[in-house]
C-alpha atoms as a PDB file:
ATOM      1  CA  MET A   1     -15.236  -5.127   0.331  1.00  0.00           C
ATOM      2  CA  ILE A   2     -11.445  -4.880   0.030  1.00  0.00           C
ATOM      3  CA  VAL A   3      -9.433  -1.832  -1.004  1.00  0.00           C
ATOM      4  CA  LEU A   4      -6.184  -2.299  -2.928  1.00  0.00           C
ATOM      5  CA  LEU A   5      -3.722   0.563  -3.358  1.00  0.00           C
ATOM      6  CA  SER A   6      -1.922   0.215  -6.658  1.00  0.00           C
ATOM      7  CA  GLY A   7       1.068   1.987  -8.145  1.00  0.00           C
ATOM      8  CA  ALA A   8       0.446   0.458 -11.564  1.00  0.00           C
ATOM      9  CA  LYS A   9       1.317   3.446 -13.751  1.00  0.00           C
ATOM     10  CA  LYS A  10       4.551   2.612 -15.566  1.00  0.00           C
ATOM     11  CA  ASN A  11       6.083  -0.420 -13.878  1.00  0.00           C
ATOM     12  CA  ILE A  12       4.881  -3.764 -15.268  1.00  0.00           C
ATOM     13  CA  GLY A  13       5.718  -5.414 -11.945  1.00  0.00           C
ATOM     14  CA  ASP A  14       3.226  -3.174 -10.160  1.00  0.00           C
ATOM     15  CA  PHE A  15       0.564  -4.052 -12.747  1.00  0.00           C
ATOM     16  CA  LEU A  16       1.237  -7.757 -12.207  1.00  0.00           C
ATOM     17  CA  ILE A  17       1.275  -7.526  -8.394  1.00  0.00           C
ATOM     18  CA  THR A  18      -1.981  -5.574  -8.349  1.00  0.00           C
ATOM     19  CA  GLU A  19      -3.666  -7.960 -10.758  1.00  0.00           C
ATOM     20  CA  ARG A  20      -2.500 -11.022  -8.834  1.00  0.00           C
ATOM     21  CA  ALA A  21      -3.675  -9.512  -5.548  1.00  0.00           C
ATOM     22  CA  ARG A  22      -7.056  -8.742  -7.110  1.00  0.00           C
ATOM     23  CA  ARG A  23      -7.424 -12.292  -8.425  1.00  0.00           C
ATOM     24  CA  LEU A  24      -6.233 -13.902  -5.208  1.00  0.00           C
ATOM     25  CA  PHE A  25      -8.571 -11.921  -2.952  1.00  0.00           C
ATOM     26  CA  ASP A  26     -11.436 -12.401  -5.397  1.00  0.00           C
ATOM     27  CA  TYR A  27     -10.858 -16.167  -5.366  1.00  0.00           C
ATOM     28  CA  ILE A  28     -10.382 -16.529  -1.604  1.00  0.00           C
ATOM     29  CA  LEU A  29     -12.864 -13.988  -0.270  1.00  0.00           C
ATOM     30  CA  ASP A  30     -15.282 -13.326  -3.123  1.00  0.00           C
ATOM     31  CA  ASP A  31     -15.671  -9.704  -1.973  1.00  0.00           C
ATOM     32  CA  GLN A  32     -15.997  -6.521  -3.970  1.00  0.00           C
ATOM     33  CA  ILE A  33     -12.535  -5.164  -4.730  1.00  0.00           C
ATOM     34  CA  ILE A  34     -11.869  -1.457  -5.135  1.00  0.00           C
ATOM     35  CA  ILE A  35      -8.520  -0.306  -6.561  1.00  0.00           C
ATOM     36  CA  LEU A  36      -7.238   3.148  -5.624  1.00  0.00           C
ATOM     37  CA  ASP A  37      -4.153   5.072  -6.699  1.00  0.00           C
ATOM     38  CA  ARG A  38      -1.367   4.652  -4.143  1.00  0.00           C
ATOM     39  CA  PHE A  39       0.207   7.961  -5.163  1.00  0.00           C
ATOM     40  CA  LYS A  40      -2.631  10.155  -3.961  1.00  0.00           C
ATOM     41  CA  ASN A  41      -3.666  11.346  -0.530  1.00  0.00           C
ATOM     42  CA  LEU A  42      -6.639   9.258   0.570  1.00  0.00           C
ATOM     43  CA  GLU A  43      -8.405  11.750   2.849  1.00  0.00           C
ATOM     44  CA  SER A  44     -11.383  11.903   0.478  1.00  0.00           C
ATOM     45  CA  ASP A  45     -11.615   8.070   0.442  1.00  0.00           C
ATOM     46  CA  ILE A  46     -11.327   7.473   4.187  1.00  0.00           C
ATOM     47  CA  ASP A  47     -14.982   6.423   4.645  1.00  0.00           C
ATOM     48  CA  LEU A  48     -14.668   3.953   1.770  1.00  0.00           C
ATOM     49  CA  ILE A  49     -11.424   2.553   3.206  1.00  0.00           C
ATOM     50  CA  ASN A  50     -12.863   2.208   6.700  1.00  0.00           C
ATOM     51  CA  SER A  51     -15.897   0.348   5.368  1.00  0.00           C
ATOM     52  CA  ALA A  52     -13.573  -2.275   3.819  1.00  0.00           C
ATOM     53  CA  ARG A  53     -12.387  -5.499   5.483  1.00  0.00           C
ATOM     54  CA  PHE A  54      -8.794  -4.326   5.030  1.00  0.00           C
ATOM     55  CA  LEU A  55      -6.502  -2.100   2.982  1.00  0.00           C
ATOM     56  CA  VAL A  56      -3.818  -3.754   0.840  1.00  0.00           C
ATOM     57  CA  LEU A  57      -0.610  -2.013  -0.226  1.00  0.00           C
ATOM     58  CA  CYS A  58       0.231  -3.556  -3.615  1.00  0.00           C
ATOM     59  CA  GLY A  59       3.721  -3.544  -5.038  1.00  0.00           C
ATOM     60  CA  GLY A  60       6.328  -0.971  -5.636  1.00  0.00           C
ATOM     61  CA  PRO A  61       9.827  -0.607  -4.428  1.00  0.00           C
ATOM     62  CA  ALA A  62       8.052   0.490  -1.263  1.00  0.00           C
ATOM     63  CA  TYR A  63      10.322  -0.496   1.599  1.00  0.00           C
ATOM     64  CA  ALA A  64      12.062   2.850   1.625  1.00  0.00           C
ATOM     65  CA  ARG A  65      12.984   5.281   4.351  1.00  0.00           C
ATOM     66  CA  ASP A  66       9.819   7.217   3.508  1.00  0.00           C
ATOM     67  CA  ILE A  67       7.338   4.414   2.735  1.00  0.00           C
ATOM     68  CA  TYR A  68       4.704   6.396   4.631  1.00  0.00           C
ATOM     69  CA  LYS A  69       4.019   9.807   3.158  1.00  0.00           C
ATOM     70  CA  GLY A  70       6.618   9.278   0.420  1.00  0.00           C
ATOM     71  CA  ILE A  71       5.803   6.010  -1.351  1.00  0.00           C
ATOM     72  CA  TYR A  72       2.342   5.632   0.200  1.00  0.00           C
ATOM     73  CA  PRO A  73       0.977   9.070   1.224  1.00  0.00           C
ATOM     74  CA  LEU A  74      -2.204   7.506   2.657  1.00  0.00           C
ATOM     75  CA  VAL A  75      -3.679  10.117   5.049  1.00  0.00           C
ATOM     76  CA  GLU A  76      -2.027  12.746   7.223  1.00  0.00           C
ATOM     77  CA  ASP A  77      -3.117  11.025  10.449  1.00  0.00           C
ATOM     78  CA  LEU A  78      -2.776   7.220  10.371  1.00  0.00           C
ATOM     79  CA  THR A  79      -5.260   6.823  13.212  1.00  0.00           C
ATOM     80  CA  LYS A  80      -7.972   7.741  10.691  1.00  0.00           C
ATOM     81  CA  ILE A  81      -7.473   4.334   9.050  1.00  0.00           C
ATOM     82  CA  LYS A  82      -9.418   1.890  11.210  1.00  0.00           C
ATOM     83  CA  VAL A  83      -8.962  -1.289   9.163  1.00  0.00           C
ATOM     84  CA  PRO A  84      -5.908  -3.558   8.999  1.00  0.00           C
ATOM     85  CA  ILE A  85      -3.240  -2.519   6.468  1.00  0.00           C
ATOM     86  CA  ILE A  86      -1.699  -5.472   4.636  1.00  0.00           C
ATOM     87  CA  PRO A  87       1.509  -5.234   2.560  1.00  0.00           C
ATOM     88  CA  PHE A  88       1.413  -7.420  -0.563  1.00  0.00           C
ATOM     89  CA  GLY A  89       4.407  -7.829  -2.863  1.00  0.00           C
ATOM     90  CA  LEU A  90       6.331  -4.831  -1.567  1.00  0.00           C
ATOM     91  CA  GLY A  91       9.984  -4.653  -2.477  1.00  0.00           C
ATOM     92  CA  TRP A  92      12.962  -2.791  -1.086  1.00  0.00           C
ATOM     93  CA  CYS A  93      13.834   0.384  -2.998  1.00  0.00           C
ATOM     94  CA  GLY A  94      17.565  -0.428  -2.923  1.00  0.00           C
ATOM     95  CA  LYS A  95      18.696   2.854  -1.379  1.00  0.00           C
ATOM     96  CA  PRO A  96      21.123   2.998   0.211  1.00  0.00           C
ATOM     97  CA  SER A  97      22.829   0.198  -1.671  1.00  0.00           C
ATOM     98  CA  ASP A  98      24.201  -1.222   1.577  1.00  0.00           C
ATOM     99  CA  PRO A  99      21.238  -2.784   3.429  1.00  0.00           C
ATOM    100  CA  MET A 100      23.104  -2.477   6.731  1.00  0.00           C
ATOM    101  CA  GLN A 101      22.814   1.312   6.384  1.00  0.00           C
ATOM    102  CA  PHE A 102      19.050   1.211   5.793  1.00  0.00           C
ATOM    103  CA  SER A 103      16.508   2.596   8.253  1.00  0.00           C
ATOM    104  CA  PHE A 104      12.920   3.844   8.207  1.00  0.00           C
ATOM    105  CA  ASN A 105      12.023   7.376   9.265  1.00  0.00           C
ATOM    106  CA  SER A 106       9.713   7.760  12.278  1.00  0.00           C
ATOM    107  CA  ASP A 107       6.544   8.164  10.162  1.00  0.00           C
ATOM    108  CA  SER A 108       7.318   4.959   8.287  1.00  0.00           C
ATOM    109  CA  LYS A 109       8.015   3.045  11.505  1.00  0.00           C
ATOM    110  CA  ARG A 110       4.577   4.124  12.743  1.00  0.00           C
ATOM    111  CA  LEU A 111       2.936   2.718   9.587  1.00  0.00           C
ATOM    112  CA  LEU A 112       4.808  -0.566   9.765  1.00  0.00           C
END
């Protein structure tokens, strides 16, 4: 089983990235694929996530200062997630507009 986190709510790009990830993993691995909402805290899904082969972060302007806990809340304690976390089709949020001024906060660095 594979778990995909999707932000496909209003952005067509996120719908397309999630769908392409689903098709790609289905074709390559032929595993069951579960899609969860990337915007919610995943504490209640931790057993499901940890029974998967890996967790895939799908889409979004996610490379932001607060990718962890802001863009992807995941769980309060990252050590609860025991499977590999794979970014797929993540984009930079564009803030600040000068990439040389960009940095991740400490929580986000821990996730990455």
